[in-house]
Amino acid sequence: MDKVVLIIGGNLGDRRALIGEANKLLMLQFGIPKLSSSIYETTAWGGKSVGNYLNQILIFETTQSPENLLTTIQAIEDKMGRNRDLKWGDRTMDIDILYFGNKIIRTSSLIIPHPYIEERRFVLEPLKEVIPEFLHPLLAKSQQELLELCSDPCKVVVFEKRNPE
């Protein structure tokens, strides 16, 4: 089994309800997450979105290949009304694969680790919460170190604190 680190989030509709729905749909595929972060509210990143996002990190174990995992999560995004017309545009739900164990994958359809982790405060804040010491397989820096080096000015605040485990 491989540990897969996902970030889920969106800025359209009932954002909190959509985070809950994404959690349920992912659990139907992968079982209960091994770890989950608090839900964070963040300003838009990339310049084409208007409203604030809610984001959450979920860590699952899977026997699926990375390519099959991508197909699975894209089907969930589609079921949740994801529109792919505009890169980095507004969306009901986006599910990104951040890490797949320590694997490094570079194909025409999939890049793992996600290529913008170290540039995105909205990714690093929840990663620091759940796996602060995990080393980025290419950069050999922990999530805590990446956050300390991150120059992203976006505001990231806890929207809903995670339940103690």
Foldseek 3Di string as FASTA:
>chain_A
DWKWKKKKKFFDDPGVVLVVLLQVLVCVVFNHFPDKFFWKWWDQPDPAEDGIMIMMMTIGDDPDDPVVVVVSVVVVQVVQPADPPDVSYGGSMDMDTQATHLDADDDPVDGPNPPCQLADLQNLVRQCVTFQQDANNVPRGGSVVSNVVHPDPMDMDRPGGDDDD
